[in-house]
N, C-alpha and C. Protein backbone atom coordinates (compact mmCIF):
# COMPACT_ATOMS: atom_id res chain seq x y z
N MET A 1 -8.08 0.15 -6.64
CA MET A 1 -7.72 -0.47 -4.84
C MET A 1 -9.03 -0.10 -3.80
N PHE A 2 -8.96 1.48 -4.33
CA PHE A 2 -9.82 2.35 -3.06
C PHE A 2 -11.09 2.45 -3.57
N ALA A 3 -11.48 2.16 -5.01
CA ALA A 3 -12.77 1.83 -5.31
C ALA A 3 -13.06 0.44 -4.92
N PHE A 4 -12.65 -0.27 -4.39
CA PHE A 4 -13.37 -1.75 -4.05
C PHE A 4 -13.64 -1.45 -2.50
N PHE A 5 -13.16 -0.52 -1.87
CA PHE A 5 -13.12 0.00 -0.49
C PHE A 5 -14.24 0.57 -0.17
N LYS A 6 -14.21 1.55 -1.54
CA LYS A 6 -15.52 2.59 -1.77
C LYS A 6 -16.84 1.99 -1.74
N PHE A 7 -16.66 0.55 -2.38
CA PHE A 7 -17.83 0.05 -2.81
C PHE A 7 -18.20 -0.67 -1.47
N MET A 8 -17.57 -1.94 -0.85
CA MET A 8 -17.53 -2.78 -0.35
C MET A 8 -17.49 -2.14 1.47
N LEU A 9 -17.05 -1.50 2.02
CA LEU A 9 -16.87 -0.99 3.35
C LEU A 9 -18.50 -0.56 3.74
N PRO A 10 -19.24 -0.12 2.76
CA PRO A 10 -20.83 0.27 3.22
C PRO A 10 -21.41 -0.42 3.17
N ILE A 11 -21.17 -1.57 2.22
CA ILE A 11 -21.77 -2.70 2.03
C ILE A 11 -21.66 -3.74 3.61
N LEU A 12 -20.51 -3.57 3.87
CA LEU A 12 -20.25 -4.62 4.75
C LEU A 12 -20.87 -3.88 6.17
N LEU A 13 -20.91 -2.42 6.50
CA LEU A 13 -21.34 -1.81 7.36
C LEU A 13 -23.10 -1.95 7.53
N LEU A 14 -23.40 -1.97 6.37
CA LEU A 14 -24.89 -2.18 6.09
C LEU A 14 -25.82 -3.61 6.77
N VAL A 15 -24.64 -4.59 6.16
CA VAL A 15 -25.29 -5.78 6.72
C VAL A 15 -25.02 -5.96 7.89
N LEU A 16 -23.78 -5.74 8.59
CA LEU A 16 -23.64 -5.70 9.95
C LEU A 16 -24.85 -4.94 10.74
N VAL A 17 -24.81 -4.03 10.59
CA VAL A 17 -26.15 -3.25 11.30
C VAL A 17 -27.62 -3.90 11.21
N LEU A 18 -27.93 -4.31 9.74
CA LEU A 18 -29.01 -4.81 9.91
C LEU A 18 -29.25 -6.15 10.49
N MET A 19 -28.14 -6.80 10.28
CA MET A 19 -28.11 -8.24 10.88
C MET A 19 -28.14 -7.96 12.53
N GLY A 20 -27.76 -6.82 13.15
CA GLY A 20 -28.01 -6.32 14.58
C GLY A 20 -29.04 -6.13 14.77
N LEU A 21 -29.59 -5.27 14.10
CA LEU A 21 -30.96 -4.71 14.19
C LEU A 21 -32.09 -6.04 14.11
N TRP A 22 -31.78 -7.16 13.17
CA TRP A 22 -32.75 -8.25 13.07
C TRP A 22 -32.40 -9.19 14.23
N LEU A 23 -31.28 -9.70 14.93
CA LEU A 23 -31.09 -10.34 15.97
C LEU A 23 -31.76 -9.46 17.13
N SER A 24 -31.76 -7.96 17.23
CA SER A 24 -32.23 -7.24 18.45
C SER A 24 -34.17 -7.41 18.33
N VAL A 25 -34.50 -7.47 17.16
CA VAL A 25 -36.08 -7.98 17.24
C VAL A 25 -36.18 -9.19 17.38
N LEU A 26 -35.70 -10.36 16.71
CA LEU A 26 -36.03 -11.38 17.54
C LEU A 26 -35.76 -11.57 18.79
N HIS A 27 -34.74 -11.18 19.27
CA HIS A 27 -35.07 -11.03 21.02
C HIS A 27 -34.59 -12.15 21.35
N PHE A 28 -33.45 -13.06 21.29
CA PHE A 28 -33.40 -14.64 21.41
C PHE A 28 -33.15 -14.47 23.26
N PRO A 29 -33.67 -15.75 23.64
CA PRO A 29 -33.75 -15.84 25.29
C PRO A 29 -32.08 -15.75 25.68
N TRP A 30 -30.83 -16.50 24.68
CA TRP A 30 -29.55 -16.33 25.26
C TRP A 30 -28.76 -15.17 24.29
N ASN A 31 -27.76 -14.70 25.47
CA ASN A 31 -26.81 -13.63 25.18
C ASN A 31 -25.88 -14.50 24.20
N TRP A 32 -25.70 -15.47 24.35
CA TRP A 32 -24.54 -16.21 23.29
C TRP A 32 -24.81 -16.19 22.25
N VAL A 33 -26.31 -16.38 21.78
CA VAL A 33 -26.51 -16.26 20.42
C VAL A 33 -25.92 -15.11 19.54
N THR A 34 -26.38 -13.97 19.95
CA THR A 34 -25.99 -12.95 19.24
C THR A 34 -24.43 -12.54 19.23
N TYR A 35 -23.71 -13.09 20.31
CA TYR A 35 -22.36 -13.08 20.02
C TYR A 35 -21.80 -14.10 18.95
N LEU A 36 -22.63 -14.97 18.81
CA LEU A 36 -22.26 -16.08 17.90
C LEU A 36 -22.46 -15.64 16.59
N VAL A 37 -23.80 -15.16 16.29
CA VAL A 37 -24.03 -14.68 15.21
C VAL A 37 -23.25 -13.58 14.72
N MET A 38 -23.01 -12.64 15.21
CA MET A 38 -22.42 -11.02 15.07
C MET A 38 -20.45 -11.86 14.94
N GLY A 39 -20.05 -12.89 15.41
CA GLY A 39 -18.92 -13.23 15.58
C GLY A 39 -18.83 -14.21 13.99
N LEU A 40 -19.66 -14.97 13.69
CA LEU A 40 -19.57 -15.32 12.44
C LEU A 40 -19.79 -14.30 11.00
N GLU A 41 -20.47 -13.51 11.45
CA GLU A 41 -20.64 -12.42 10.38
C GLU A 41 -19.09 -11.80 10.34
N ILE A 42 -18.86 -11.37 11.04
CA ILE A 42 -17.45 -10.59 11.05
C ILE A 42 -16.35 -11.85 10.43
N LEU A 43 -16.49 -13.17 10.81
CA LEU A 43 -15.65 -14.24 10.20
C LEU A 43 -15.77 -14.34 8.86
N THR A 44 -17.08 -14.34 8.46
CA THR A 44 -16.98 -14.56 6.91
C THR A 44 -17.25 -13.15 6.29
N ALA A 45 -17.28 -12.01 6.80
CA ALA A 45 -16.71 -10.67 5.95
C ALA A 45 -15.25 -10.70 5.52
N THR A 46 -14.56 -10.93 7.06
CA THR A 46 -13.09 -10.99 6.90
C THR A 46 -12.43 -12.22 5.79
N ILE A 47 -13.02 -13.17 5.75
CA ILE A 47 -12.73 -14.08 4.27
C ILE A 47 -13.04 -13.69 3.24
N VAL A 48 -14.29 -12.94 3.05
CA VAL A 48 -14.70 -12.63 1.58
C VAL A 48 -13.77 -11.54 1.43
N PHE A 49 -13.54 -10.27 2.19
CA PHE A 49 -12.74 -9.15 1.80
C PHE A 49 -11.51 -9.57 1.48
N SER A 50 -11.14 -10.57 1.78
CA SER A 50 -9.55 -11.41 1.26
C SER A 50 -9.63 -11.69 0.21
N MET A 51 -10.76 -12.68 0.13
CA MET A 51 -10.85 -12.81 -1.47
C MET A 51 -11.14 -12.32 -2.67
N GLU A 52 -12.28 -11.45 -2.08
CA GLU A 52 -12.47 -10.32 -3.35
C GLU A 52 -11.11 -9.54 -3.63
N PHE A 53 -10.31 -8.93 -2.63
CA PHE A 53 -9.35 -8.41 -2.51
C PHE A 53 -8.04 -9.06 -3.65
N GLN A 54 -7.90 -9.91 -3.46
CA GLN A 54 -7.11 -11.00 -4.28
C GLN A 54 -7.81 -11.18 -5.58
N ALA A 55 -8.89 -11.13 -5.56
CA ALA A 55 -9.47 -11.15 -6.81
C ALA A 55 -9.51 -10.21 -7.91
N GLN A 56 -9.55 -9.15 -7.37
CA GLN A 56 -9.04 -7.95 -8.09
C GLN A 56 -7.99 -8.03 -9.39
N GLN A 57 -7.02 -8.91 -8.61
CA GLN A 57 -6.06 -9.19 -10.00
C GLN A 57 -6.31 -9.94 -10.96
N ILE A 58 -7.69 -10.50 -11.06
CA ILE A 58 -8.00 -11.31 -12.03
C ILE A 58 -9.16 -10.99 -12.79
N GLY A 59 -8.99 -10.82 -13.91
CA GLY A 59 -10.48 -10.22 -14.39
C GLY A 59 -11.58 -11.24 -14.49
N GLY A 60 -12.65 -10.58 -14.26
CA GLY A 60 -13.69 -11.37 -14.31
C GLY A 60 -14.13 -11.93 -13.27
N THR A 61 -13.32 -12.15 -12.08
CA THR A 61 -13.57 -13.07 -10.97
C THR A 61 -14.23 -12.46 -9.53
N SER A 62 -13.87 -10.92 -9.39
CA SER A 62 -14.33 -9.96 -8.58
C SER A 62 -15.65 -9.93 -8.57
N GLY A 63 -16.39 -10.21 -7.37
CA GLY A 63 -17.68 -9.47 -7.11
C GLY A 63 -18.67 -10.85 -6.87
N TRP A 64 -18.07 -12.05 -7.15
CA TRP A 64 -18.80 -12.80 -7.15
C TRP A 64 -18.70 -13.70 -5.79
N GLY A 65 -17.61 -13.23 -5.12
CA GLY A 65 -17.94 -13.80 -3.77
C GLY A 65 -18.59 -12.73 -2.71
N SER A 66 -18.86 -11.37 -3.13
CA SER A 66 -19.71 -10.61 -2.41
C SER A 66 -21.34 -10.80 -2.32
N PHE A 67 -21.61 -11.64 -3.79
CA PHE A 67 -23.15 -11.87 -3.96
C PHE A 67 -23.46 -13.27 -3.31
N GLY A 68 -22.43 -14.10 -2.89
CA GLY A 68 -22.41 -15.13 -1.90
C GLY A 68 -22.39 -14.89 -0.66
N TRP A 69 -21.81 -13.71 -0.23
CA TRP A 69 -22.00 -13.39 1.08
C TRP A 69 -23.12 -12.67 1.78
N LEU A 70 -23.60 -12.09 0.54
CA LEU A 70 -24.87 -11.42 0.55
C LEU A 70 -26.21 -12.63 0.89
N GLY A 71 -25.72 -13.99 0.02
CA GLY A 71 -26.78 -14.72 0.22
C GLY A 71 -26.48 -15.41 1.38
N PHE A 72 -25.54 -15.70 1.84
CA PHE A 72 -25.39 -16.38 3.03
C PHE A 72 -26.18 -15.84 4.22
N ASN A 73 -26.02 -14.32 4.10
CA ASN A 73 -26.42 -13.85 5.21
C ASN A 73 -28.20 -13.28 5.02
N VAL A 74 -28.72 -13.64 3.87
CA VAL A 74 -30.13 -13.60 4.19
C VAL A 74 -30.62 -14.70 4.36
N GLY A 75 -29.85 -16.03 3.84
CA GLY A 75 -30.14 -17.41 4.38
C GLY A 75 -29.94 -17.48 5.88
N LEU A 76 -29.01 -16.79 6.45
CA LEU A 76 -28.49 -17.22 7.82
C LEU A 76 -29.91 -16.27 8.47
N ALA A 77 -30.47 -15.22 7.85
CA ALA A 77 -31.42 -14.23 8.87
C ALA A 77 -32.80 -15.04 8.74
N MET A 78 -33.07 -15.86 7.75
CA MET A 78 -34.40 -16.51 7.33
C MET A 78 -34.10 -17.62 8.47
N LEU A 79 -32.80 -18.40 8.73
CA LEU A 79 -32.82 -19.22 9.35
C LEU A 79 -32.67 -18.97 10.89
N LEU A 80 -32.43 -17.93 11.34
CA LEU A 80 -32.67 -17.09 12.51
C LEU A 80 -34.32 -17.38 13.12
N GLY A 81 -34.97 -16.58 11.94
CA GLY A 81 -36.28 -16.14 12.09
C GLY A 81 -36.93 -17.59 12.42
N LEU A 82 -36.59 -18.49 11.52
CA LEU A 82 -37.50 -20.09 11.95
C LEU A 82 -37.04 -20.44 13.24
N CYS A 83 -35.89 -20.18 13.60
CA CYS A 83 -35.52 -20.55 14.95
C CYS A 83 -36.15 -20.00 16.17
N ARG A 84 -36.28 -18.77 16.16
CA ARG A 84 -36.81 -18.05 17.08
C ARG A 84 -37.97 -18.55 16.75
N GLY A 85 -38.93 -18.60 15.86
CA GLY A 85 -40.25 -18.99 16.05
C GLY A 85 -40.46 -20.31 16.42
N ALA A 86 -39.45 -21.48 16.27
CA ALA A 86 -39.64 -22.58 16.95
C ALA A 86 -39.55 -22.61 18.33
N ILE A 87 -38.55 -21.57 18.46
CA ILE A 87 -38.66 -21.27 20.03
C ILE A 87 -39.74 -20.72 20.94
N TRP A 88 -40.26 -19.87 20.15
CA TRP A 88 -41.72 -19.14 20.55
C TRP A 88 -42.59 -19.93 20.78
N LEU A 89 -42.95 -21.05 19.69
CA LEU A 89 -44.13 -22.18 19.77
C LEU A 89 -43.77 -22.92 21.10
N TYR A 90 -42.45 -23.29 21.41
CA TYR A 90 -41.99 -24.31 22.20
C TYR A 90 -42.30 -23.63 23.84
N GLN A 91 -42.24 -22.39 23.82
CA GLN A 91 -42.52 -21.67 24.80
C GLN A 91 -43.86 -21.55 24.90
N ARG A 92 -44.42 -21.28 24.14
CA ARG A 92 -45.81 -20.61 24.51
C ARG A 92 -46.67 -22.10 24.72
N PHE A 93 -46.50 -22.93 23.87
CA PHE A 93 -47.45 -24.13 23.96
C PHE A 93 -46.64 -25.20 24.36
N GLY A 94 -45.17 -25.52 24.74
CA GLY A 94 -44.73 -26.44 25.24
C GLY A 94 -44.62 -27.56 24.48
N PHE A 95 -44.52 -27.53 22.99
CA PHE A 95 -44.15 -28.62 22.26
C PHE A 95 -43.42 -28.14 20.93
N SER A 96 -42.58 -28.99 20.34
CA SER A 96 -41.92 -28.65 19.61
C SER A 96 -42.49 -29.15 18.06
N VAL A 97 -42.25 -28.04 17.13
CA VAL A 97 -42.71 -28.35 15.73
C VAL A 97 -41.56 -28.82 14.79
């Protein structure tokens, strides 16, 4: 059980800090975007932690939820980058892409 927390807690902290830094770099014009994304991150991390903790009892199933969660975070970061680029284009040139 403690090995699970030794491995997952640093990854969780790293992902949350990196997403916070990515949001500060993107600098959305609305504060609610930051709150929404970080709340979504914490919600998905809580779900994945509970799934992984329960999956420890079943051989061969633990670890896959973590990979899915990391993939979700990468996809969310790319989506946020694309959205911020579209907002910048709209603000800069006055049209949407």
